[in-house]
C-alpha cells in the first residue's frame, strides 16, 4: 500500500513524514523544500503478530508494511504547471490513497504560504488543482465515449454517468463526492481521476489542542465538515507530538501519550484509518521459520489470499487450515487448539477474516 502525503507548503507535511518514517526528509520553513518525493517504508504495528512471535520465537519476523510518499507542496496553478505542478500531480497519480495534511494551528514563527490560517481555503486550493487536472482527463474520456455511441448505443448510459461526474467537477466538487452504484463506481475506477482516490484529511493541530480538547479547535471542525461532504475520512494529528515520540522507547512513549490523553500514536491511528478507508485486513501465518502478516482486501477468498504468498498456492489450492487469533491465544498452543477442534478446514469459497491464522495446503 502506497500513501501520498500532500498539502500546501509549510503545513507540517515533511515534519509528519519524518516523524512517522524516521527517514530524515529535509524540513524547512520555506516553500518547495520537498522537490523530489521522499519515500519511507513503515512497518504496520500489529500486537497480534508480536504475540505470535512470543509463542513461536521465529527465525524471521515480517510485519505488513506501508509506503509513505512525501509529495512536494502544491500551490495555486499547479494544474497548469505553476511551481512544480505537473510533477506533483504525476506523483499523486501513483499512490493508492492520499493523506492531505491541513494546518489547523497558529504559529507566527512558521510562515503560511497564504499568510493566514484557514483550513477550508487550503483544502479548496488543493482540491481545485486536482479537479482542474481531472476535468482534462474526463473530457478526453467523454469524447471517446461519444465516438463509441455511434457504433453501439449501449454506451449512452456510460456517457450520462460521466457527464454527471463532470458536472460535479465543474461545480468544484471532487469525483469521490458523487454518489455511485456499485457498477458506476467500477466504471469510474477505469478513469484515472485524482479526486476519486480515497483520502484522509490529517488535521495538524498543536499539542495544546490535544491536551485541552480537539473539539475546541474551529479549524478541525471545519475539516470534519468538509470530510463528511466529500465521503472522506478525517484524523486529528499533531506533527510536533509525533516528532517528540519518534525516538522514544515504548514505555516512555506510552507515558507521554497518556499525558496527552492519547492511547495510540498518530502513526498507529493513521494506519488504522488507512486500512479502514481502503477496506484492508491482515491474515497471519505463523511457525518457527517465520511469523508474518499479509495484507488483503476485505471479502478476499482463501485461494486468492493464498496467492499473495505465491501463485502456486492459489493455482494448486486444496484447503486452508484456519484458526482465529483469539482462539489460539485462549488455548495457548496450536496443539491444544486442535484438540478442542478450533482449527477449521476451509475450502475455496471461504472468505478470509481479519486476524485469521492460516496454513494453506496446495498441490502443483
Protein backbone atom coordinates (compact mmCIF):
# COMPACT_ATOMS: atom_id res chain seq x y z
CA UNK A 1 0.00 0.00 0.00
CA UNK A 2 1.38 3.38 -1.05
CA UNK A 3 0.10 6.55 0.65
CA UNK A 4 0.86 10.00 -0.70
CA UNK A 5 1.20 12.84 1.83
CA UNK A 6 0.08 16.11 0.23
CA UNK A 7 -0.67 19.63 1.37
CA UNK A 8 0.23 23.26 0.85
CA UNK A 9 3.80 24.30 1.69
CA UNK A 10 4.55 24.73 5.43
CA UNK A 11 1.55 22.85 6.80
CA UNK A 12 3.66 20.16 8.51
CA UNK A 13 3.83 17.53 5.76
CA UNK A 14 7.54 16.80 5.91
CA UNK A 15 7.62 17.13 9.70
CA UNK A 16 4.91 14.49 9.93
CA UNK A 17 6.62 12.31 7.32
CA UNK A 18 9.94 12.48 9.20
CA UNK A 19 8.26 11.57 12.46
CA UNK A 20 6.38 8.55 11.19
CA UNK A 21 9.12 7.14 8.98
CA UNK A 22 12.28 8.40 10.73
CA UNK A 23 13.50 8.90 7.17
CA UNK A 24 15.17 12.24 7.84
CA UNK A 25 13.49 14.10 4.99
CA UNK A 26 14.55 17.73 4.84
CA UNK A 27 12.08 20.05 6.54
CA UNK A 28 12.43 23.82 6.36
CA UNK A 29 10.37 26.94 6.74
CA UNK A 30 10.01 27.81 3.06
CA UNK A 31 8.00 26.52 0.07
CA UNK A 32 9.33 23.78 -2.22
CA UNK A 33 11.69 22.38 0.38
CA UNK A 34 10.47 18.99 -0.89
CA UNK A 35 11.02 18.71 -4.64
CA UNK A 36 11.62 15.02 -5.32
CA UNK A 37 9.19 12.93 -3.28
CA UNK A 38 10.75 11.33 -0.20
CA UNK A 39 9.75 7.70 0.36
CA UNK A 40 9.67 5.83 3.66
CA UNK A 41 8.53 2.27 4.37
CA UNK A 42 6.84 1.77 7.75
CA UNK A 43 6.00 -1.49 9.50
CA UNK A 44 2.31 -1.82 10.34
CA UNK A 45 2.01 -2.14 14.14
CA UNK A 46 0.16 -5.38 14.99
CA UNK A 47 0.12 -6.66 18.57
CA UNK A 48 -1.23 -9.98 17.33
CA UNK A 49 1.98 -10.52 15.39
CA UNK A 50 4.02 -9.67 18.50
CA UNK A 51 2.09 -12.30 20.49
CA UNK A 52 2.72 -14.94 17.83
CA UNK A 53 6.42 -14.08 17.87
CA UNK A 54 6.47 -14.68 21.64
CA UNK A 55 4.76 -18.04 21.11
CA UNK A 56 6.88 -19.35 18.22
CA UNK A 57 10.21 -17.50 18.68
CA UNK A 58 10.58 -17.47 14.89
CA UNK A 59 13.77 -17.11 12.89
CA UNK A 60 12.12 -14.35 10.87
CA UNK A 61 9.53 -11.71 11.81
CA UNK A 62 7.81 -9.92 8.91
CA UNK A 63 5.08 -7.35 9.58
CA UNK A 64 2.95 -5.83 6.84
CA UNK A 65 4.35 -2.56 5.52
CA UNK A 66 3.05 0.75 4.18
CA UNK A 67 4.98 3.03 1.87
CA UNK A 68 4.62 6.75 2.61
CA UNK A 69 5.47 9.23 -0.14
CA UNK A 70 6.05 12.83 0.91
CA UNK A 71 4.92 14.80 -2.14
CA UNK A 72 6.07 18.40 -2.58
CA UNK A 73 3.68 21.20 -1.57
CA UNK A 74 1.05 22.12 -4.14
CA UNK A 75 0.27 25.75 -4.94
CA UNK A 76 -2.34 27.60 -6.98
CA UNK A 77 -1.82 26.96 -10.68
CA UNK A 78 -0.26 23.51 -10.20
CA UNK A 79 -2.67 22.01 -12.76
CA UNK A 80 -1.23 24.48 -15.32
CA UNK A 81 2.36 23.73 -14.37
CA UNK A 82 2.83 26.51 -11.80
CA UNK A 83 5.53 25.85 -9.21
CA UNK A 84 6.42 22.22 -9.88
CA UNK A 85 2.81 21.35 -10.65
CA UNK A 86 2.98 18.67 -13.34
CA UNK A 87 5.50 16.63 -11.39
CA UNK A 88 3.43 16.86 -8.19
CA UNK A 89 0.28 15.72 -9.95
CA UNK A 90 2.03 12.72 -11.53
CA UNK A 91 3.38 11.71 -8.10
CA UNK A 92 -0.16 11.81 -6.62
CA UNK A 93 -1.43 9.69 -9.51
CA UNK A 94 0.86 6.82 -8.47
CA UNK A 95 -0.40 6.37 -4.88
CA UNK A 96 -3.28 4.20 -3.59
CA UNK A 97 -4.65 6.82 -1.21
CA UNK A 98 -3.97 10.41 -0.23
CA UNK A 99 -3.19 11.82 3.21
CA UNK A 100 -3.95 15.53 2.91
CA UNK A 101 -2.25 17.42 5.75
CA UNK A 102 -4.24 20.53 6.66
CA UNK A 103 -2.82 23.14 9.02
CA UNK A 104 -5.13 23.87 11.95
CA UNK A 105 -2.63 25.53 14.31
CA UNK A 106 -1.39 29.09 14.77
CA UNK A 107 2.35 29.77 14.93
CA UNK A 108 3.84 33.14 13.96
CA UNK A 109 7.27 31.54 13.53
CA UNK A 110 6.07 29.26 10.71
CA UNK A 111 5.08 31.20 7.61
CA UNK A 112 1.88 30.09 5.86
CA UNK A 113 2.06 30.41 2.09
CA UNK A 114 -1.28 32.31 2.09
CA UNK A 115 -0.35 34.48 5.08
CA UNK A 116 -3.14 33.21 7.37
CA UNK A 117 -4.61 30.00 8.80
CA UNK A 118 -7.79 28.88 7.02
CA UNK A 119 -8.19 25.07 6.65
CA UNK A 120 -11.28 25.31 4.39
CA UNK A 121 -9.46 27.64 1.99
CA UNK A 122 -6.38 25.41 1.96
CA UNK A 123 -8.43 22.29 1.16
CA UNK A 124 -10.23 24.20 -1.60
CA UNK A 125 -6.89 25.34 -3.10
CA UNK A 126 -5.58 21.79 -3.48
CA UNK A 127 -8.96 20.34 -4.46
CA UNK A 128 -9.23 22.91 -7.24
CA UNK A 129 -5.87 21.99 -8.75
CA UNK A 130 -6.71 18.28 -8.67
CA UNK A 131 -10.20 18.95 -10.07
CA UNK A 132 -8.81 21.02 -12.97
CA UNK A 133 -6.48 18.16 -13.84
CA UNK A 134 -9.38 15.67 -13.61
CA UNK A 135 -11.58 17.79 -15.90
CA UNK A 136 -9.00 17.48 -18.68
CA UNK A 137 -8.80 13.71 -18.24
CA UNK A 138 -12.57 13.21 -18.07
CA UNK A 139 -13.13 15.41 -21.14
CA UNK A 140 -10.96 13.01 -23.15
CA UNK A 141 -12.90 10.00 -21.83
CA UNK A 142 -16.25 11.65 -22.65
CA UNK A 143 -15.08 12.40 -26.21
CA UNK A 144 -14.04 8.77 -26.63
CA UNK A 145 -17.38 7.53 -25.25
CA UNK A 146 -19.32 9.78 -27.66
CA UNK A 147 -17.47 8.18 -30.58
CA UNK A 148 -18.26 4.70 -29.22
CA UNK A 149 -22.00 5.53 -29.07
CA UNK A 150 -22.04 5.91 -32.85
CA UNK A 151 -21.18 2.21 -33.11
CA UNK A 152 -23.15 0.97 -30.09
CA UNK A 153 -25.94 2.80 -28.25
CA UNK A 154 -25.23 0.85 -25.02
CA UNK A 155 -22.51 3.41 -24.21
CA UNK A 156 -25.20 6.10 -23.74
CA UNK A 157 -25.60 5.09 -20.07
CA UNK A 158 -21.84 5.38 -19.60
CA UNK A 159 -21.85 8.84 -21.19
CA UNK A 160 -24.66 10.06 -18.95
CA UNK A 161 -22.78 8.90 -15.86
CA UNK A 162 -19.53 10.57 -16.91
CA UNK A 163 -21.42 13.79 -17.65
CA UNK A 164 -22.85 13.66 -14.12
CA UNK A 165 -19.30 13.36 -12.72
CA UNK A 166 -18.17 16.21 -14.97
CA UNK A 167 -20.97 18.42 -13.63
CA UNK A 168 -19.73 17.80 -10.08
CA UNK A 169 -16.12 18.62 -11.06
CA UNK A 170 -17.19 21.82 -12.82
CA UNK A 171 -19.02 22.82 -9.62
CA UNK A 172 -15.78 22.41 -7.66
CA UNK A 173 -16.67 19.05 -6.11
CA UNK A 174 -14.27 16.07 -6.18
CA UNK A 175 -15.25 12.90 -8.04
CA UNK A 176 -15.41 10.94 -4.77
CA UNK A 177 -18.33 13.11 -3.63
CA UNK A 178 -20.55 11.76 -6.45
CA UNK A 179 -22.99 9.08 -5.23
CA UNK A 180 -22.47 5.94 -7.31
CA UNK A 181 -23.99 2.49 -7.66
CA UNK A 182 -21.58 -0.44 -7.47
CA UNK A 183 -21.48 -0.63 -11.29
CA UNK A 184 -20.90 3.12 -11.60
CA UNK A 185 -18.11 3.05 -9.01
CA UNK A 186 -16.40 0.30 -11.03
CA UNK A 187 -16.80 2.36 -14.20
CA UNK A 188 -15.38 5.46 -12.51
CA UNK A 189 -12.34 3.47 -11.38
CA UNK A 190 -11.43 2.94 -15.06
CA UNK A 191 -10.70 6.68 -15.34
CA UNK A 192 -7.54 7.84 -13.56
CA UNK A 193 -9.09 10.71 -11.60
CA UNK A 194 -7.05 12.22 -8.76
CA UNK A 195 -10.15 13.32 -6.84
CA UNK A 196 -11.56 9.79 -6.87
CA UNK A 197 -8.68 8.47 -4.77
CA UNK A 198 -9.55 7.62 -1.16
CA UNK A 199 -8.46 10.48 1.08
CA UNK A 200 -7.81 11.15 4.75
CA UNK A 201 -7.61 14.74 5.92
CA UNK A 202 -4.91 14.87 8.59
CA UNK A 203 -5.85 17.91 10.68
CA UNK A 204 -2.47 19.04 12.01
CA UNK A 205 -3.04 20.71 15.39
CA UNK A 206 -0.93 21.91 18.29
CA UNK A 207 -0.12 19.81 21.36
CA UNK A 208 -2.28 22.26 23.36
CA UNK A 209 -5.30 21.25 21.26
CA UNK A 210 -4.77 17.61 22.26
CA UNK A 211 -4.35 18.35 25.95
CA UNK A 212 -7.29 20.80 26.11
CA UNK A 213 -9.66 19.08 23.64
CA UNK A 214 -9.57 18.95 19.85
CA UNK A 215 -13.28 19.80 19.65
CA UNK A 216 -12.37 23.36 20.70
CA UNK A 217 -10.32 23.89 17.53
CA UNK A 218 -12.57 25.59 14.92
CA UNK A 219 -10.21 24.59 12.10
CA UNK A 220 -10.62 20.92 12.96
CA UNK A 221 -14.40 21.27 12.98
CA UNK A 222 -14.24 22.89 9.52
CA UNK A 223 -12.14 19.98 8.21
CA UNK A 224 -14.62 17.48 9.69
CA UNK A 225 -17.50 19.15 7.84
CA UNK A 226 -15.65 19.06 4.51
CA UNK A 227 -14.63 15.41 5.00
CA UNK A 228 -18.26 14.46 5.56
CA UNK A 229 -19.34 16.23 2.36
CA UNK A 230 -16.58 14.52 0.36
CA UNK A 231 -17.11 10.98 1.71
CA UNK A 232 -13.59 11.25 3.12
CA UNK A 233 -12.00 10.40 6.48
CA UNK A 234 -10.51 12.88 8.94
CA UNK A 235 -7.78 12.27 11.50
CA UNK A 236 -6.69 14.74 14.20
CA UNK A 237 -2.90 14.63 14.48
CA UNK A 238 -0.05 16.69 15.86
CA UNK A 239 3.16 16.51 13.85
CA UNK A 240 5.01 18.10 16.78
CA UNK A 241 3.94 15.29 19.15
CA UNK A 242 4.86 12.66 16.55
CA UNK A 243 8.32 14.26 16.25
CA UNK A 244 8.81 14.13 20.01
CA UNK A 245 7.85 10.47 20.40
CA UNK A 246 9.59 9.21 17.24
CA UNK A 247 12.79 8.29 19.07
CA UNK A 248 11.30 7.25 22.43
CA UNK A 249 11.37 3.78 23.95
CA UNK A 250 7.98 2.04 24.19
CA UNK A 251 7.41 2.68 27.93
CA UNK A 252 8.41 6.32 27.63
CA UNK A 253 6.17 6.76 24.56
CA UNK A 254 3.14 5.27 26.34
CA UNK A 255 3.61 7.58 29.35
CA UNK A 256 3.97 10.61 27.07
CA UNK A 257 0.81 9.72 25.10
CA UNK A 258 -1.13 9.14 28.33
CA UNK A 259 -0.19 12.66 29.49
CA UNK A 260 -1.67 13.95 26.21
CA UNK A 261 -4.90 11.93 26.73
CA UNK A 262 -3.95 9.62 23.82
CA UNK A 263 -3.90 5.82 23.75
CA UNK A 264 -2.18 5.43 20.36
CA UNK A 265 0.42 7.34 18.38
CA UNK A 266 -0.65 9.31 15.33
CA UNK A 267 1.09 6.72 13.14
CA UNK A 268 -0.97 3.86 14.60
CA UNK A 269 -4.19 5.84 14.18
CA UNK A 270 -3.24 6.85 10.64
CA UNK A 271 -2.51 3.26 9.61
CA UNK A 272 -5.77 2.01 11.14
CA UNK A 273 -7.68 4.76 9.35
CA UNK A 274 -6.00 3.91 6.02
CA UNK A 275 -6.79 0.20 6.38
CA UNK A 276 -10.41 1.07 7.08
CA UNK A 277 -10.58 3.58 4.21
CA UNK A 278 -9.16 1.11 1.69
CA UNK A 279 -11.12 -1.87 3.03
CA UNK A 280 -8.00 -3.82 4.02
CA UNK A 281 -7.44 -6.57 6.60
CA UNK A 282 -4.50 -8.77 7.60
CA UNK A 283 -4.23 -12.52 7.89
CA UNK A 284 -1.30 -14.15 9.65
CA UNK A 285 1.00 -17.11 9.06
CA UNK A 286 2.96 -18.49 11.99
CA UNK A 287 5.65 -21.08 12.63
CA UNK A 288 9.25 -21.45 13.72
CA UNK A 289 10.68 -20.32 10.33
CA UNK A 290 8.61 -17.12 10.15
CA UNK A 291 5.76 -15.14 11.69
CA UNK A 292 4.24 -12.86 9.08
CA UNK A 293 1.28 -10.57 8.34
CA UNK A 294 -0.28 -10.43 4.86
CA UNK A 295 -2.49 -7.56 3.72
CA UNK A 296 -5.60 -8.38 1.65
CA UNK A 297 -8.87 -6.69 0.72
CA UNK A 298 -11.99 -7.48 2.77
CA UNK A 299 -14.00 -10.16 1.02
CA UNK A 300 -10.96 -11.99 -0.39
CA UNK A 301 -11.49 -15.75 -0.62
CA UNK A 302 -8.96 -18.29 0.62
CA UNK A 303 -7.35 -19.24 -2.76
CA UNK A 304 -6.74 -15.59 -3.69
CA UNK A 305 -5.34 -14.90 -0.21
CA UNK A 306 -3.01 -17.89 -0.69
CA UNK A 307 -1.91 -16.35 -3.98
CA UNK A 308 -0.49 -13.41 -2.01
CA UNK A 309 2.16 -15.79 -0.71
CA UNK A 310 2.86 -17.48 -4.05
CA UNK A 311 0.92 -18.00 -7.29
CA UNK A 312 1.42 -21.79 -6.88
CA UNK A 313 -0.55 -21.65 -3.61
CA UNK A 314 -3.56 -20.26 -5.47
CA UNK A 315 -3.19 -22.45 -8.56
CA UNK A 316 -2.92 -25.70 -6.57
CA UNK A 317 -5.14 -24.70 -3.63
CA UNK A 318 -6.58 -27.68 -1.73
CA UNK A 319 -7.75 -26.20 1.57
CA UNK A 320 -6.92 -23.67 4.29
CA UNK A 321 -6.42 -24.71 7.89
CA UNK A 322 -7.69 -21.71 9.84
CA UNK A 323 -7.91 -20.62 13.46
CA UNK A 324 -8.99 -17.25 14.83
CA UNK A 325 -6.21 -15.39 16.65
CA UNK A 326 -8.24 -15.07 19.87
CA UNK A 327 -8.95 -18.83 19.90
CA UNK A 328 -5.25 -19.65 19.59
CA UNK A 329 -4.35 -17.24 22.38
CA UNK A 330 -7.03 -18.75 24.64
CA UNK A 331 -5.66 -22.28 24.05
CA UNK A 332 -2.00 -21.33 24.40
CA UNK A 333 -0.68 -23.69 21.72
CA UNK A 334 -1.74 -24.88 18.28
CA UNK A 335 -1.79 -28.48 19.56
CA UNK A 336 -4.28 -27.57 22.31
CA UNK A 337 -6.42 -25.67 19.79
CA UNK A 338 -6.53 -28.74 17.50
CA UNK A 339 -7.57 -30.94 20.43
CA UNK A 340 -10.51 -28.61 21.06
CA UNK A 341 -11.48 -28.68 17.38
CA UNK A 342 -10.85 -24.96 16.89
CA UNK A 343 -8.66 -25.38 13.80
CA UNK A 344 -11.08 -25.44 10.87
CA UNK A 345 -10.61 -26.84 7.37
CA UNK A 346 -11.94 -24.30 4.88
CA UNK A 347 -12.42 -24.65 1.12
CA UNK A 348 -12.29 -22.41 -1.95
CA UNK A 349 -15.35 -20.34 -1.02
CA UNK A 350 -14.12 -19.36 2.44
CA UNK A 351 -13.95 -15.57 2.90
CA UNK A 352 -10.87 -14.60 4.92
CA UNK A 353 -11.37 -12.75 8.21
CA UNK A 354 -9.11 -10.20 9.87
CA UNK A 355 -6.71 -11.97 12.23
CA UNK A 356 -7.12 -15.44 10.73
CA UNK A 357 -4.04 -17.60 11.32
CA UNK A 358 -3.73 -19.83 8.28
CA UNK A 359 -1.82 -22.79 6.90
CA UNK A 360 -2.55 -23.31 3.20
CA UNK A 361 -2.49 -26.82 1.72
CA UNK A 362 -1.78 -26.97 -2.01
CA UNK A 363 -0.54 -29.28 -4.75
CA UNK A 364 1.02 -28.32 -8.11
